[in-house]
Amino acid sequence: MTRDADTIVGSMDYMFVSSYLERIGDYVTNICEWIVYLKTGKLLELNSNASEDEF
């Protein structure tokens, strides 16, 4: 690990970018849920994780 310190720093950057992209996706989903609510008046969960819990 001490020999490849640059690799570790670069890998951490990729991890941060992936978490930022996930957060952006969550924000986009929330905006889309608001749009559906404003157009239809119905609360709709677009990012349902129910299918992941069926293992």
PDB file of N, CA and C in Angstrom:
ATOM      1  N   MET A   1       0.820  -1.184   0.000  1.00  0.00           N
ATOM      2  CA  MET A   1       0.000   0.000   0.000  1.00  0.00           C
ATOM      3  C   MET A   1       0.873   1.261   0.000  1.00  0.00           C
ATOM      4  N   THR A   2       1.951   1.235   0.706  1.00  0.00           N
ATOM      5  CA  THR A   2       2.795   2.422   0.771  1.00  0.00           C
ATOM      6  C   THR A   2       3.553   2.639  -0.534  1.00  0.00           C
ATOM      7  N   ARG A   3       3.745   1.572  -1.303  1.00  0.00           N
ATOM      8  CA  ARG A   3       4.437   1.731  -2.584  1.00  0.00           C
ATOM      9  C   ARG A   3       3.547   2.384  -3.632  1.00  0.00           C
ATOM     10  N   ASP A   4       2.257   2.152  -3.563  1.00  0.00           N
ATOM     11  CA  ASP A   4       1.324   2.654  -4.567  1.00  0.00           C
ATOM     12  C   ASP A   4       0.371   3.681  -3.974  1.00  0.00           C
ATOM     13  N   ALA A   5       0.913   4.684  -3.323  1.00  0.00           N
ATOM     14  CA  ALA A   5       0.065   5.704  -2.694  1.00  0.00           C
ATOM     15  C   ALA A   5      -0.731   6.486  -3.739  1.00  0.00           C
ATOM     16  N   ASP A   6      -0.162   6.707  -4.917  1.00  0.00           N
ATOM     17  CA  ASP A   6      -0.883   7.428  -5.973  1.00  0.00           C
ATOM     18  C   ASP A   6      -2.092   6.642  -6.459  1.00  0.00           C
ATOM     19  N   THR A   7      -1.957   5.337  -6.503  1.00  0.00           N
ATOM     20  CA  THR A   7      -3.079   4.494  -6.929  1.00  0.00           C
ATOM     21  C   THR A   7      -4.220   4.588  -5.924  1.00  0.00           C
ATOM     22  N   ILE A   8      -3.890   4.613  -4.654  1.00  0.00           N
ATOM     23  CA  ILE A   8      -4.923   4.698  -3.620  1.00  0.00           C
ATOM     24  C   ILE A   8      -5.645   6.034  -3.703  1.00  0.00           C
ATOM     25  N   VAL A   9      -4.897   7.115  -3.898  1.00  0.00           N
ATOM     26  CA  VAL A   9      -5.518   8.438  -4.008  1.00  0.00           C
ATOM     27  C   VAL A   9      -6.429   8.487  -5.228  1.00  0.00           C
ATOM     28  N   GLY A  10      -5.981   7.942  -6.352  1.00  0.00           N
ATOM     29  CA  GLY A  10      -6.809   7.908  -7.559  1.00  0.00           C
ATOM     30  C   GLY A  10      -8.055   7.070  -7.383  1.00  0.00           C
ATOM     31  N   SER A  11      -7.927   5.965  -6.660  1.00  0.00           N
ATOM     32  CA  SER A  11      -9.088   5.103  -6.410  1.00  0.00           C
ATOM     33  C   SER A  11     -10.113   5.801  -5.529  1.00  0.00           C
ATOM     34  N   MET A  12      -9.647   6.552  -4.564  1.00  0.00           N
ATOM     35  CA  MET A  12     -10.567   7.302  -3.706  1.00  0.00           C
ATOM     36  C   MET A  12     -11.332   8.346  -4.520  1.00  0.00           C
ATOM     37  N   ASP A  13     -10.660   8.953  -5.480  1.00  0.00           N
ATOM     38  CA  ASP A  13     -11.351   9.914  -6.345  1.00  0.00           C
ATOM     39  C   ASP A  13     -12.490   9.240  -7.096  1.00  0.00           C
ATOM     40  N   TYR A  14     -12.250   8.034  -7.616  1.00  0.00           N
ATOM     41  CA  TYR A  14     -13.306   7.308  -8.318  1.00  0.00           C
ATOM     42  C   TYR A  14     -14.462   6.959  -7.379  1.00  0.00           C
ATOM     43  N   MET A  15     -14.142   6.617  -6.143  1.00  0.00           N
ATOM     44  CA  MET A  15     -15.207   6.314  -5.179  1.00  0.00           C
ATOM     45  C   MET A  15     -16.041   7.549  -4.886  1.00  0.00           C
ATOM     46  N   PHE A  16     -15.405   8.699  -4.746  1.00  0.00           N
ATOM     47  CA  PHE A  16     -16.151   9.933  -4.504  1.00  0.00           C
ATOM     48  C   PHE A  16     -17.027  10.281  -5.693  1.00  0.00           C
ATOM     49  N   VAL A  17     -16.499  10.121  -6.902  1.00  0.00           N
ATOM     50  CA  VAL A  17     -17.282  10.420  -8.103  1.00  0.00           C
ATOM     51  C   VAL A  17     -18.498   9.507  -8.182  1.00  0.00           C
ATOM     52  N   SER A  18     -18.319   8.229  -7.860  1.00  0.00           N
ATOM     53  CA  SER A  18     -19.463   7.310  -7.921  1.00  0.00           C
ATOM     54  C   SER A  18     -20.531   7.684  -6.898  1.00  0.00           C
ATOM     55  N   SER A  19     -20.116   8.116  -5.715  1.00  0.00           N
ATOM     56  CA  SER A  19     -21.125   8.519  -4.724  1.00  0.00           C
ATOM     57  C   SER A  19     -21.815   9.815  -5.146  1.00  0.00           C
ATOM     58  N   TYR A  20     -21.079  10.716  -5.790  1.00  0.00           N
ATOM     59  CA  TYR A  20     -21.699  11.954  -6.277  1.00  0.00           C
ATOM     60  C   TYR A  20     -22.701  11.655  -7.388  1.00  0.00           C
ATOM     61  N   LEU A  21     -22.360  10.731  -8.281  1.00  0.00           N
ATOM     62  CA  LEU A  21     -23.292  10.354  -9.349  1.00  0.00           C
ATOM     63  C   LEU A  21     -24.551   9.704  -8.780  1.00  0.00           C
ATOM     64  N   GLU A  22     -24.392   8.900  -7.744  1.00  0.00           N
ATOM     65  CA  GLU A  22     -25.560   8.295  -7.113  1.00  0.00           C
ATOM     66  C   GLU A  22     -26.455   9.366  -6.496  1.00  0.00           C
ATOM     67  N   ARG A  23     -25.854  10.357  -5.865  1.00  0.00           N
ATOM     68  CA  ARG A  23     -26.630  11.440  -5.261  1.00  0.00           C
ATOM     69  C   ARG A  23     -27.359  12.248  -6.339  1.00  0.00           C
ATOM     70  N   ILE A  24     -26.699  12.498  -7.468  1.00  0.00           N
ATOM     71  CA  ILE A  24     -27.339  13.214  -8.570  1.00  0.00           C
ATOM     72  C   ILE A  24     -28.538  12.422  -9.076  1.00  0.00           C
ATOM     73  N   GLY A  25     -28.378  11.101  -9.197  1.00  0.00           N
ATOM     74  CA  GLY A  25     -29.491  10.255  -9.617  1.00  0.00           C
ATOM     75  C   GLY A  25     -30.666  10.325  -8.659  1.00  0.00           C
ATOM     76  N   ASP A  26     -30.375  10.392  -7.366  1.00  0.00           N
ATOM     77  CA  ASP A  26     -31.446  10.527  -6.373  1.00  0.00           C
ATOM     78  C   ASP A  26     -32.170  11.858  -6.525  1.00  0.00           C
ATOM     79  N   TYR A  27     -31.416  12.923  -6.767  1.00  0.00           N
ATOM     80  CA  TYR A  27     -32.039  14.242  -6.969  1.00  0.00           C
ATOM     81  C   TYR A  27     -32.925  14.246  -8.214  1.00  0.00           C
ATOM     82  N   VAL A  28     -32.457  13.626  -9.281  1.00  0.00           N
ATOM     83  CA  VAL A  28     -33.251  13.567 -10.515  1.00  0.00           C
ATOM     84  C   VAL A  28     -34.535  12.785 -10.279  1.00  0.00           C
ATOM     85  N   THR A  29     -34.442  11.694  -9.534  1.00  0.00           N
ATOM     86  CA  THR A  29     -35.637  10.909  -9.220  1.00  0.00           C
ATOM     87  C   THR A  29     -36.629  11.733  -8.421  1.00  0.00           C
ATOM     88  N   ASN A  30     -36.136  12.487  -7.441  1.00  0.00           N
ATOM     89  CA  ASN A  30     -37.029  13.331  -6.643  1.00  0.00           C
ATOM     90  C   ASN A  30     -37.710  14.391  -7.500  1.00  0.00           C
ATOM     91  N   ILE A  31     -36.980  14.986  -8.419  1.00  0.00           N
ATOM     92  CA  ILE A  31     -37.570  15.986  -9.311  1.00  0.00           C
ATOM     93  C   ILE A  31     -38.657  15.346 -10.172  1.00  0.00           C
ATOM     94  N   CYS A  32     -38.384  14.152 -10.687  1.00  0.00           N
ATOM     95  CA  CYS A  32     -39.378  13.465 -11.514  1.00  0.00           C
ATOM     96  C   CYS A  32     -40.623  13.104 -10.707  1.00  0.00           C
ATOM     97  N   GLU A  33     -40.437  12.703  -9.442  1.00  0.00           N
ATOM     98  CA  GLU A  33     -41.593  12.423  -8.599  1.00  0.00           C
ATOM     99  C   GLU A  33     -42.428  13.672  -8.381  1.00  0.00           C
ATOM    100  N   TRP A  34     -41.791  14.829  -8.207  1.00  0.00           N
ATOM    101  CA  TRP A  34     -42.528  16.090  -8.068  1.00  0.00           C
ATOM    102  C   TRP A  34     -43.295  16.425  -9.344  1.00  0.00           C
ATOM    103  N   ILE A  35     -42.688  16.183 -10.488  1.00  0.00           N
ATOM    104  CA  ILE A  35     -43.357  16.466 -11.758  1.00  0.00           C
ATOM    105  C   ILE A  35     -44.592  15.590 -11.908  1.00  0.00           C
ATOM    106  N   VAL A  36     -44.465  14.302 -11.582  1.00  0.00           N
ATOM    107  CA  VAL A  36     -45.615  13.395 -11.666  1.00  0.00           C
ATOM    108  C   VAL A  36     -46.709  13.861 -10.715  1.00  0.00           C
ATOM    109  N   TYR A  37     -46.332  14.282  -9.511  1.00  0.00           N
ATOM    110  CA  TYR A  37     -47.317  14.749  -8.538  1.00  0.00           C
ATOM    111  C   TYR A  37     -48.024  16.008  -9.032  1.00  0.00           C
ATOM    112  N   LEU A  38     -47.277  16.944  -9.593  1.00  0.00           N
ATOM    113  CA  LEU A  38     -47.888  18.181 -10.064  1.00  0.00           C
ATOM    114  C   LEU A  38     -48.827  17.947 -11.245  1.00  0.00           C
ATOM    115  N   LYS A  39     -48.511  16.971 -12.090  1.00  0.00           N
ATOM    116  CA  LYS A  39     -49.353  16.706 -13.260  1.00  0.00           C
ATOM    117  C   LYS A  39     -50.562  15.841 -12.927  1.00  0.00           C
ATOM    118  N   THR A  40     -50.408  14.871 -12.004  1.00  0.00           N
ATOM    119  CA  THR A  40     -51.483  13.915 -11.761  1.00  0.00           C
ATOM    120  C   THR A  40     -52.117  14.054 -10.380  1.00  0.00           C
ATOM    121  N   GLY A  41     -51.415  14.643  -9.433  1.00  0.00           N
ATOM    122  CA  GLY A  41     -51.918  14.737  -8.077  1.00  0.00           C
ATOM    123  C   GLY A  41     -51.719  13.459  -7.273  1.00  0.00           C
ATOM    124  N   LYS A  42     -50.972  12.505  -7.821  1.00  0.00           N
ATOM    125  CA  LYS A  42     -50.732  11.234  -7.145  1.00  0.00           C
ATOM    126  C   LYS A  42     -49.269  11.159  -6.701  1.00  0.00           C
ATOM    127  N   LEU A  43     -49.085  10.635  -5.486  1.00  0.00           N
ATOM    128  CA  LEU A  43     -47.731  10.405  -4.999  1.00  0.00           C
ATOM    129  C   LEU A  43     -47.260   9.054  -5.530  1.00  0.00           C
ATOM    130  N   LEU A  44     -46.154   9.068  -6.220  1.00  0.00           N
ATOM    131  CA  LEU A  44     -45.645   7.864  -6.856  1.00  0.00           C
ATOM    132  C   LEU A  44     -44.190   7.682  -6.468  1.00  0.00           C
ATOM    133  N   GLU A  45     -43.837   6.493  -6.017  1.00  0.00           N
ATOM    134  CA  GLU A  45     -42.454   6.182  -5.661  1.00  0.00           C
ATOM    135  C   GLU A  45     -41.767   5.603  -6.895  1.00  0.00           C
ATOM    136  N   LEU A  46     -40.910   6.398  -7.531  1.00  0.00           N
ATOM    137  CA  LEU A  46     -40.254   5.954  -8.755  1.00  0.00           C
ATOM    138  C   LEU A  46     -39.029   5.106  -8.485  1.00  0.00           C
ATOM    139  N   ASN A  47     -38.393   5.293  -7.348  1.00  0.00           N
ATOM    140  CA  ASN A  47     -37.170   4.568  -7.036  1.00  0.00           C
ATOM    141  C   ASN A  47     -37.445   3.532  -5.961  1.00  0.00           C
ATOM    142  N   SER A  48     -38.358   2.641  -6.255  1.00  0.00           N
ATOM    143  CA  SER A  48     -38.738   1.621  -5.290  1.00  0.00           C
ATOM    144  C   SER A  48     -37.706   0.499  -5.306  1.00  0.00           C
ATOM    145  N   ASN A  49     -37.228   0.111  -4.140  1.00  0.00           N
ATOM    146  CA  ASN A  49     -36.265  -0.977  -4.017  1.00  0.00           C
ATOM    147  C   ASN A  49     -36.941  -2.266  -3.593  1.00  0.00           C
ATOM    148  N   ALA A  50     -38.222  -2.373  -3.812  1.00  0.00           N
ATOM    149  CA  ALA A  50     -38.976  -3.567  -3.397  1.00  0.00           C
ATOM    150  C   ALA A  50     -38.481  -4.805  -4.129  1.00  0.00           C
ATOM    151  N   SER A  51     -38.090  -4.687  -5.374  1.00  0.00           N
ATOM    152  CA  SER A  51     -37.631  -5.846  -6.134  1.00  0.00           C
ATOM    153  C   SER A  51     -36.288  -6.358  -5.614  1.00  0.00           C
ATOM    154  N   GLU A  52     -35.479  -5.491  -5.005  1.00  0.00           N
ATOM    155  CA  GLU A  52     -34.192  -5.915  -4.462  1.00  0.00           C
ATOM    156  C   GLU A  52     -34.362  -6.701  -3.170  1.00  0.00           C
ATOM    157  N   ASP A  53     -35.464  -6.516  -2.472  1.00  0.00           N
ATOM    158  CA  ASP A  53     -35.686  -7.193  -1.204  1.00  0.00           C
ATOM    159  C   ASP A  53     -36.272  -8.579  -1.362  1.00  0.00           C
ATOM    160  N   GLU A  54     -36.523  -9.038  -2.562  1.00  0.00           N
ATOM    161  CA  GLU A  54     -37.196 -10.310  -2.795  1.00  0.00           C
ATOM    162  C   GLU A  54     -36.250 -11.490  -2.892  1.00  0.00           C
ATOM    163  N   PHE A  55     -35.000 -11.361  -2.509  1.00  0.00           N
ATOM    164  CA  PHE A  55     -34.046 -12.451  -2.651  1.00  0.00           C
ATOM    165  C   PHE A  55     -34.482 -13.673  -1.959  1.00  0.00           C
TER     166      PHE A  55
END
